[in-house]
PDB file of N, CA and C in Angstrom:
ATOM      1  N   UNK A   1     108.948  94.723  54.588  1.00  0.00           N
ATOM      2  CA  UNK A   1     109.225  94.922  53.184  1.00  0.00           C
ATOM      3  C   UNK A   1     108.764  96.321  52.785  1.00  0.00           C
ATOM      4  N   UNK A   2     109.602  97.054  52.112  1.00  0.00           N
ATOM      5  CA  UNK A   2     109.261  98.388  51.640  1.00  0.00           C
ATOM      6  C   UNK A   2     108.357  98.309  50.419  1.00  0.00           C
ATOM      7  N   UNK A   3     107.466  99.300  50.299  1.00  0.00           N
ATOM      8  CA  UNK A   3     106.562  99.359  49.156  1.00  0.00           C
ATOM      9  C   UNK A   3     106.608 100.745  48.533  1.00  0.00           C
ATOM     10  N   UNK A   4     106.723 100.805  47.210  1.00  0.00           N
ATOM     11  CA  UNK A   4     106.694 102.081  46.499  1.00  0.00           C
ATOM     12  C   UNK A   4     105.315 102.708  46.676  1.00  0.00           C
ATOM     13  N   UNK A   5     105.298 103.996  46.990  1.00  0.00           N
ATOM     14  CA  UNK A   5     104.059 104.724  47.190  1.00  0.00           C
ATOM     15  C   UNK A   5     103.537 104.687  48.610  1.00  0.00           C
ATOM     16  N   UNK A   6     104.130 103.848  49.462  1.00  0.00           N
ATOM     17  CA  UNK A   6     103.681 103.748  50.846  1.00  0.00           C
ATOM     18  C   UNK A   6     104.378 104.804  51.699  1.00  0.00           C
ATOM     19  N   UNK A   7     103.619 105.366  52.648  1.00  0.00           N
ATOM     20  CA  UNK A   7     104.158 106.342  53.592  1.00  0.00           C
ATOM     21  C   UNK A   7     104.297 105.686  54.956  1.00  0.00           C
ATOM     22  N   UNK A   8     105.466 105.854  55.559  1.00  0.00           N
ATOM     23  CA  UNK A   8     105.778 105.276  56.862  1.00  0.00           C
ATOM     24  C   UNK A   8     105.917 106.392  57.890  1.00  0.00           C
ATOM     25  N   UNK A   9     105.381 106.173  59.080  1.00  0.00           N
ATOM     26  CA  UNK A   9     105.546 107.132  60.168  1.00  0.00           C
ATOM     27  C   UNK A   9     106.968 107.064  60.701  1.00  0.00           C
ATOM     28  N   UNK A  10     107.563 108.219  60.978  1.00  0.00           N
ATOM     29  CA  UNK A  10     108.849 108.289  61.666  1.00  0.00           C
ATOM     30  C   UNK A  10     108.539 108.432  63.154  1.00  0.00           C
ATOM     31  N   UNK A  11     109.082 107.549  63.961  1.00  0.00           N
ATOM     32  CA  UNK A  11     108.760 107.487  65.384  1.00  0.00           C
ATOM     33  C   UNK A  11     110.034 107.536  66.218  1.00  0.00           C
ATOM     34  N   UNK A  12     109.925 107.846  67.516  1.00  0.00           N
ATOM     35  CA  UNK A  12     111.118 107.854  68.383  1.00  0.00           C
ATOM     36  C   UNK A  12     111.748 106.471  68.446  1.00  0.00           C
ATOM     37  N   UNK A  13     113.071 106.460  68.530  1.00  0.00           N
ATOM     38  CA  UNK A  13     113.791 105.191  68.635  1.00  0.00           C
ATOM     39  C   UNK A  13     113.757 104.435  67.333  1.00  0.00           C
ATOM     40  N   UNK A  14     114.185 103.199  67.375  1.00  0.00           N
ATOM     41  CA  UNK A  14     114.184 102.364  66.178  1.00  0.00           C
ATOM     42  C   UNK A  14     113.932 100.936  66.623  1.00  0.00           C
ATOM     43  N   UNK A  15     112.676 100.650  66.931  1.00  0.00           N
ATOM     44  CA  UNK A  15     112.327  99.331  67.430  1.00  0.00           C
ATOM     45  C   UNK A  15     111.348  98.653  66.494  1.00  0.00           C
ATOM     46  N   UNK A  16     111.329  97.351  66.525  1.00  0.00           N
ATOM     47  CA  UNK A  16     110.366  96.556  65.748  1.00  0.00           C
ATOM     48  C   UNK A  16     110.355  96.924  64.268  1.00  0.00           C
ATOM     49  N   UNK A  17     111.503  97.264  63.708  1.00  0.00           N
ATOM     50  CA  UNK A  17     111.573  97.591  62.290  1.00  0.00           C
ATOM     51  C   UNK A  17     111.001  98.941  61.923  1.00  0.00           C
ATOM     52  N   UNK A  18     110.735  99.781  62.897  1.00  0.00           N
ATOM     53  CA  UNK A  18     110.182 101.108  62.630  1.00  0.00           C
ATOM     54  C   UNK A  18     111.262 102.034  62.073  1.00  0.00           C
ATOM     55  N   UNK A  19     110.838 103.182  61.580  1.00  0.00           N
ATOM     56  CA  UNK A  19     111.770 104.158  61.034  1.00  0.00           C
ATOM     57  C   UNK A  19     111.854 105.355  61.970  1.00  0.00           C
ATOM     58  N   UNK A  20     113.039 105.946  62.063  1.00  0.00           N
ATOM     59  CA  UNK A  20     113.244 107.140  62.867  1.00  0.00           C
ATOM     60  C   UNK A  20     114.209 108.072  62.139  1.00  0.00           C
ATOM     61  N   UNK A  21     114.405 109.260  62.660  1.00  0.00           N
ATOM     62  CA  UNK A  21     115.319 110.216  62.046  1.00  0.00           C
ATOM     63  C   UNK A  21     115.932 111.099  63.117  1.00  0.00           C
ATOM     64  N   UNK A  22     117.166 111.512  62.885  1.00  0.00           N
ATOM     65  CA  UNK A  22     117.863 112.476  63.734  1.00  0.00           C
ATOM     66  C   UNK A  22     118.452 113.550  62.834  1.00  0.00           C
ATOM     67  N   UNK A  23     118.710 114.712  63.418  1.00  0.00           N
ATOM     68  CA  UNK A  23     119.325 115.826  62.703  1.00  0.00           C
ATOM     69  C   UNK A  23     120.494 116.316  63.532  1.00  0.00           C
ATOM     70  N   UNK A  24     121.669 116.434  62.925  1.00  0.00           N
ATOM     71  CA  UNK A  24     122.852 116.929  63.625  1.00  0.00           C
ATOM     72  C   UNK A  24     123.144 118.350  63.153  1.00  0.00           C
ATOM     73  N   UNK A  25     123.138 119.292  64.102  1.00  0.00           N
ATOM     74  CA  UNK A  25     123.489 120.681  63.820  1.00  0.00           C
ATOM     75  C   UNK A  25     124.862 120.927  64.431  1.00  0.00           C
ATOM     76  N   UNK A  26     125.879 120.596  63.687  1.00  0.00           N
ATOM     77  CA  UNK A  26     127.231 120.667  64.232  1.00  0.00           C
ATOM     78  C   UNK A  26     127.609 119.349  64.871  1.00  0.00           C
ATOM     79  N   UNK A  27     128.754 119.346  65.501  1.00  0.00           N
ATOM     80  CA  UNK A  27     129.321 118.112  66.054  1.00  0.00           C
ATOM     81  C   UNK A  27     128.569 117.586  67.276  1.00  0.00           C
ATOM     82  N   UNK A  28     128.024 118.459  68.099  1.00  0.00           N
ATOM     83  CA  UNK A  28     127.457 118.047  69.383  1.00  0.00           C
ATOM     84  C   UNK A  28     125.948 118.248  69.521  1.00  0.00           C
ATOM     85  N   UNK A  29     125.318 118.958  68.599  1.00  0.00           N
ATOM     86  CA  UNK A  29     123.917 119.353  68.760  1.00  0.00           C
ATOM     87  C   UNK A  29     122.998 118.421  67.978  1.00  0.00           C
ATOM     88  N   UNK A  30     122.453 117.402  68.659  1.00  0.00           N
ATOM     89  CA  UNK A  30     121.614 116.387  68.029  1.00  0.00           C
ATOM     90  C   UNK A  30     120.138 116.663  68.300  1.00  0.00           C
ATOM     91  N   UNK A  31     119.349 116.656  67.230  1.00  0.00           N
ATOM     92  CA  UNK A  31     117.897 116.806  67.318  1.00  0.00           C
ATOM     93  C   UNK A  31     117.262 115.452  67.024  1.00  0.00           C
ATOM     94  N   UNK A  32     116.298 115.054  67.858  1.00  0.00           N
ATOM     95  CA  UNK A  32     115.694 113.733  67.774  1.00  0.00           C
ATOM     96  C   UNK A  32     114.176 113.840  67.785  1.00  0.00           C
ATOM     97  N   UNK A  33     113.522 112.935  67.073  1.00  0.00           N
ATOM     98  CA  UNK A  33     112.060 112.845  67.134  1.00  0.00           C
ATOM     99  C   UNK A  33     111.670 112.334  68.516  1.00  0.00           C
ATOM    100  N   UNK A  34     110.672 112.973  69.123  1.00  0.00           N
ATOM    101  CA  UNK A  34     110.145 112.510  70.406  1.00  0.00           C
ATOM    102  C   UNK A  34     108.663 112.176  70.222  1.00  0.00           C
ATOM    103  N   UNK A  35     108.064 111.549  71.236  1.00  0.00           N
ATOM    104  CA  UNK A  35     106.701 111.042  71.091  1.00  0.00           C
ATOM    105  C   UNK A  35     105.657 112.104  70.767  1.00  0.00           C
ATOM    106  N   UNK A  36     105.869 113.341  71.191  1.00  0.00           N
ATOM    107  CA  UNK A  36     104.881 114.390  70.906  1.00  0.00           C
ATOM    108  C   UNK A  36     105.069 115.007  69.520  1.00  0.00           C
ATOM    109  N   UNK A  37     106.137 114.660  68.823  1.00  0.00           N
ATOM    110  CA  UNK A  37     106.401 115.152  67.473  1.00  0.00           C
ATOM    111  C   UNK A  37     106.281 113.999  66.492  1.00  0.00           C
ATOM    112  N   UNK A  38     106.246 114.321  65.210  1.00  0.00           N
ATOM    113  CA  UNK A  38     106.104 113.253  64.244  1.00  0.00           C
ATOM    114  C   UNK A  38     106.806 113.587  62.943  1.00  0.00           C
ATOM    115  N   UNK A  39     106.731 112.635  62.034  1.00  0.00           N
ATOM    116  CA  UNK A  39     107.279 112.806  60.705  1.00  0.00           C
ATOM    117  C   UNK A  39     106.824 111.670  59.815  1.00  0.00           C
ATOM    118  N   UNK A  40     107.115 111.779  58.525  1.00  0.00           N
ATOM    119  CA  UNK A  40     106.740 110.750  57.567  1.00  0.00           C
ATOM    120  C   UNK A  40     107.834 110.574  56.533  1.00  0.00           C
ATOM    121  N   UNK A  41     107.927 109.351  56.021  1.00  0.00           N
ATOM    122  CA  UNK A  41     108.857 108.997  54.957  1.00  0.00           C
ATOM    123  C   UNK A  41     108.048 108.254  53.903  1.00  0.00           C
ATOM    124  N   UNK A  42     108.156 108.682  52.651  1.00  0.00           N
ATOM    125  CA  UNK A  42     107.436 108.032  51.552  1.00  0.00           C
ATOM    126  C   UNK A  42     108.432 107.449  50.567  1.00  0.00           C
ATOM    127  N   UNK A  43     108.258 106.185  50.233  1.00  0.00           N
ATOM    128  CA  UNK A  43     109.111 105.519  49.244  1.00  0.00           C
ATOM    129  C   UNK A  43     108.588 105.867  47.856  1.00  0.00           C
ATOM    130  N   UNK A  44     109.450 106.466  47.021  1.00  0.00           N
ATOM    131  CA  UNK A  44     109.045 106.839  45.667  1.00  0.00           C
ATOM    132  C   UNK A  44     109.669 105.949  44.603  1.00  0.00           C
ATOM    133  N   UNK A  45     110.785 105.317  44.916  1.00  0.00           N
ATOM    134  CA  UNK A  45     111.371 104.367  43.972  1.00  0.00           C
ATOM    135  C   UNK A  45     112.132 103.284  44.738  1.00  0.00           C
ATOM    136  N   UNK A  46     112.064 102.078  44.219  1.00  0.00           N
ATOM    137  CA  UNK A  46     112.724 100.925  44.831  1.00  0.00           C
ATOM    138  C   UNK A  46     113.180 100.008  43.717  1.00  0.00           C
ATOM    139  N   UNK A  47     114.476  99.777  43.631  1.00  0.00           N
ATOM    140  CA  UNK A  47     115.039  98.875  42.625  1.00  0.00           C
ATOM    141  C   UNK A  47     115.727  97.739  43.356  1.00  0.00           C
ATOM    142  N   UNK A  48     115.065  96.609  43.433  1.00  0.00           N
ATOM    143  CA  UNK A  48     115.596  95.470  44.179  1.00  0.00           C
ATOM    144  C   UNK A  48     116.772  94.806  43.473  1.00  0.00           C
ATOM    145  N   UNK A  49     116.855  94.930  42.153  1.00  0.00           N
ATOM    146  CA  UNK A  49     117.997  94.387  41.411  1.00  0.00           C
ATOM    147  C   UNK A  49     119.261  95.187  41.717  1.00  0.00           C
ATOM    148  N   UNK A  50     119.144  96.509  41.649  1.00  0.00           N
ATOM    149  CA  UNK A  50     120.281  97.400  41.897  1.00  0.00           C
ATOM    150  C   UNK A  50     120.463  97.713  43.376  1.00  0.00           C
ATOM    151  N   UNK A  51     119.490  97.314  44.197  1.00  0.00           N
ATOM    152  CA  UNK A  51     119.502  97.563  45.643  1.00  0.00           C
ATOM    153  C   UNK A  51     119.611  99.061  45.950  1.00  0.00           C
ATOM    154  N   UNK A  52     118.689  99.829  45.355  1.00  0.00           N
ATOM    155  CA  UNK A  52     118.594 101.250  45.650  1.00  0.00           C
ATOM    156  C   UNK A  52     117.163 101.581  46.063  1.00  0.00           C
ATOM    157  N   UNK A  53     117.041 102.585  46.910  1.00  0.00           N
ATOM    158  CA  UNK A  53     115.733 103.054  47.360  1.00  0.00           C
ATOM    159  C   UNK A  53     115.782 104.572  47.472  1.00  0.00           C
ATOM    160  N   UNK A  54     114.684 105.217  47.157  1.00  0.00           N
ATOM    161  CA  UNK A  54     114.623 106.667  47.244  1.00  0.00           C
ATOM    162  C   UNK A  54     113.249 107.115  47.687  1.00  0.00           C
ATOM    163  N   UNK A  55     113.184 108.358  48.120  1.00  0.00           N
ATOM    164  CA  UNK A  55     111.900 108.869  48.551  1.00  0.00           C
ATOM    165  C   UNK A  55     112.001 110.270  49.115  1.00  0.00           C
ATOM    166  N   UNK A  56     110.953 110.643  49.816  1.00  0.00           N
ATOM    167  CA  UNK A  56     110.860 111.962  50.430  1.00  0.00           C
ATOM    168  C   UNK A  56     110.554 111.796  51.911  1.00  0.00           C
ATOM    169  N   UNK A  57     110.839 112.853  52.691  1.00  0.00           N
ATOM    170  CA  UNK A  57     110.548 112.794  54.125  1.00  0.00           C
ATOM    171  C   UNK A  57     110.376 114.191  54.691  1.00  0.00           C
ATOM    172  N   UNK A  58     109.726 114.230  55.831  1.00  0.00           N
ATOM    173  CA  UNK A  58     109.640 115.440  56.650  1.00  0.00           C
ATOM    174  C   UNK A  58     109.533 114.990  58.096  1.00  0.00           C
ATOM    175  N   UNK A  59     109.989 115.826  59.026  1.00  0.00           N
ATOM    176  CA  UNK A  59     109.830 115.535  60.448  1.00  0.00           C
ATOM    177  C   UNK A  59     110.157 116.750  61.303  1.00  0.00           C
ATOM    178  N   UNK A  60     109.683 116.689  62.542  1.00  0.00           N
ATOM    179  CA  UNK A  60     110.000 117.680  63.565  1.00  0.00           C
ATOM    180  C   UNK A  60     110.833 116.984  64.635  1.00  0.00           C
ATOM    181  N   UNK A  61     111.813 117.684  65.188  1.00  0.00           N
ATOM    182  CA  UNK A  61     112.689 117.083  66.198  1.00  0.00           C
ATOM    183  C   UNK A  61     113.142 118.148  67.185  1.00  0.00           C
ATOM    184  N   UNK A  62     113.587 117.708  68.358  1.00  0.00           N
ATOM    185  CA  UNK A  62     114.090 118.623  69.385  1.00  0.00           C
ATOM    186  C   UNK A  62     115.460 118.172  69.853  1.00  0.00           C
ATOM    187  N   UNK A  63     116.237 119.142  70.400  1.00  0.00           N
ATOM    188  CA  UNK A  63     117.527 118.804  70.995  1.00  0.00           C
ATOM    189  C   UNK A  63     117.371 118.706  72.513  1.00  0.00           C
ATOM    190  N   UNK A  64     118.467 118.491  73.208  1.00  0.00           N
ATOM    191  CA  UNK A  64     118.442 118.309  74.667  1.00  0.00           C
ATOM    192  C   UNK A  64     117.927 119.547  75.401  1.00  0.00           C
ATOM    193  N   UNK A  65     118.089 120.739  74.805  1.00  0.00           N
ATOM    194  CA  UNK A  65     117.617 121.974  75.431  1.00  0.00           C
ATOM    195  C   UNK A  65     116.157 122.279  75.098  1.00  0.00           C
ATOM    196  N   UNK A  66     115.527 121.456  74.263  1.00  0.00           N
ATOM    197  CA  UNK A  66     114.133 121.664  73.895  1.00  0.00           C
ATOM    198  C   UNK A  66     113.918 122.536  72.668  1.00  0.00           C
ATOM    199  N   UNK A  67     115.008 122.916  71.987  1.00  0.00           N
ATOM    200  CA  UNK A  67     114.897 123.700  70.767  1.00  0.00           C
ATOM    201  C   UNK A  67     114.400 122.798  69.638  1.00  0.00           C
ATOM    202  N   UNK A  68     113.431 123.271  68.859  1.00  0.00           N
ATOM    203  CA  UNK A  68     112.785 122.457  67.830  1.00  0.00           C
ATOM    204  C   UNK A  68     113.262 122.842  66.433  1.00  0.00           C
ATOM    205  N   UNK A  69     113.430 121.833  65.560  1.00  0.00           N
ATOM    206  CA  UNK A  69     113.682 122.054  64.135  1.00  0.00           C
ATOM    207  C   UNK A  69     112.572 121.393  63.342  1.00  0.00           C
ATOM    208  N   UNK A  70     112.239 121.987  62.206  1.00  0.00           N
ATOM    209  CA  UNK A  70     111.246 121.431  61.298  1.00  0.00           C
ATOM    210  C   UNK A  70     111.934 121.127  59.977  1.00  0.00           C
ATOM    211  N   UNK A  71     112.138 119.872  59.693  1.00  0.00           N
ATOM    212  CA  UNK A  71     112.772 119.431  58.450  1.00  0.00           C
ATOM    213  C   UNK A  71     111.651 119.231  57.427  1.00  0.00           C
ATOM    214  N   UNK A  72     111.732 119.894  56.279  1.00  0.00           N
ATOM    215  CA  UNK A  72     110.686 119.819  55.269  1.00  0.00           C
ATOM    216  C   UNK A  72     111.293 119.530  53.899  1.00  0.00           C
ATOM    217  N   UNK A  73     110.527 118.852  53.074  1.00  0.00           N
ATOM    218  CA  UNK A  73     110.873 118.554  51.692  1.00  0.00           C
ATOM    219  C   UNK A  73     112.218 117.833  51.561  1.00  0.00           C
ATOM    220  N   UNK A  74     112.494 116.911  52.501  1.00  0.00           N
ATOM    221  CA  UNK A  74     113.714 116.120  52.426  1.00  0.00           C
ATOM    222  C   UNK A  74     113.609 115.052  51.345  1.00  0.00           C
ATOM    223  N   UNK A  75     114.728 114.738  50.741  1.00  0.00           N
ATOM    224  CA  UNK A  75     114.787 113.705  49.694  1.00  0.00           C
ATOM    225  C   UNK A  75     115.998 112.819  49.940  1.00  0.00           C
ATOM    226  N   UNK A  76     115.877 111.565  49.535  1.00  0.00           N
ATOM    227  CA  UNK A  76     117.001 110.644  49.635  1.00  0.00           C
ATOM    228  C   UNK A  76     116.978 109.663  48.478  1.00  0.00           C
ATOM    229  N   UNK A  77     118.154 109.152  48.132  1.00  0.00           N
ATOM    230  CA  UNK A  77     118.330 108.104  47.139  1.00  0.00           C
ATOM    231  C   UNK A  77     119.607 107.372  47.538  1.00  0.00           C
ATOM    232  N   UNK A  78     119.477 106.157  48.062  1.00  0.00           N
ATOM    233  CA  UNK A  78     120.620 105.454  48.631  1.00  0.00           C
ATOM    234  C   UNK A  78     120.675 104.002  48.163  1.00  0.00           C
ATOM    235  N   UNK A  79     121.865 103.441  48.249  1.00  0.00           N
ATOM    236  CA  UNK A  79     122.053 102.005  48.045  1.00  0.00           C
ATOM    237  C   UNK A  79     121.882 101.316  49.384  1.00  0.00           C
ATOM    238  N   UNK A  80     121.486 100.062  49.356  1.00  0.00           N
ATOM    239  CA  UNK A  80     121.312  99.335  50.613  1.00  0.00           C
ATOM    240  C   UNK A  80     121.871  97.923  50.503  1.00  0.00           C
ATOM    241  N   UNK A  81     122.100  97.337  51.654  1.00  0.00           N
ATOM    242  CA  UNK A  81     122.514  95.936  51.760  1.00  0.00           C
ATOM    243  C   UNK A  81     121.389  95.168  52.422  1.00  0.00           C
ATOM    244  N   UNK A  82     121.181  93.956  51.998  1.00  0.00           N
ATOM    245  CA  UNK A  82     120.179  93.133  52.658  1.00  0.00           C
ATOM    246  C   UNK A  82     120.771  92.551  53.924  1.00  0.00           C
ATOM    247  N   UNK A  83     119.954  92.534  54.967  1.00  0.00           N
ATOM    248  CA  UNK A  83     120.381  91.924  56.224  1.00  0.00           C
ATOM    249  C   UNK A  83     120.081  90.435  56.187  1.00  0.00           C
ATOM    250  N   UNK A  84     121.004  89.671  56.665  1.00  0.00           N
ATOM    251  CA  UNK A  84     120.787  88.233  56.806  1.00  0.00           C
ATOM    252  C   UNK A  84     120.894  87.917  58.281  1.00  0.00           C
ATOM    253  N   UNK A  85     119.839  87.370  58.832  1.00  0.00           N
ATOM    254  CA  UNK A  85     119.788  87.050  60.254  1.00  0.00           C
ATOM    255  C   UNK A  85     120.123  85.582  60.461  1.00  0.00           C
ATOM    256  N   UNK A  86     120.996  85.312  61.383  1.00  0.00           N
ATOM    257  CA  UNK A  86     121.342  83.943  61.731  1.00  0.00           C
ATOM    258  C   UNK A  86     120.890  83.669  63.145  1.00  0.00           C
ATOM    259  N   UNK A  87     120.177  82.605  63.323  1.00  0.00           N
ATOM    260  CA  UNK A  87     119.781  82.181  64.665  1.00  0.00           C
ATOM    261  C   UNK A  87     120.801  81.168  65.164  1.00  0.00           C
ATOM    262  N   UNK A  88     121.225  81.356  66.371  1.00  0.00           N
ATOM    263  CA  UNK A  88     122.144  80.403  66.989  1.00  0.00           C
ATOM    264  C   UNK A  88     121.358  79.594  67.986  1.00  0.00           C
ATOM    265  N   UNK A  89     121.346  78.317  67.800  1.00  0.00           N
ATOM    266  CA  UNK A  89     120.562  77.440  68.675  1.00  0.00           C
ATOM    267  C   UNK A  89     121.403  76.881  69.774  1.00  0.00           C
TER     268      UNK A  89
END
């Protein structure tokens, strides 16, 4: 569950409900967070009625050639859908 004012670590991959980030510089040049780099995402607003969430973020990432980018003062405000999980027995 997301919490307003809480800061979440951005980590490599997207497992166990964790958060991650990638940066695309053109069509083929993807920068990804790796274990030696880090980032953070802070939730600044959450409207569960309207299903919107917003916040700020920063992170460092590298591409396949080892070139590093530093993303700073990022902001987002997006709509979301709730996930419904069905177990099949």
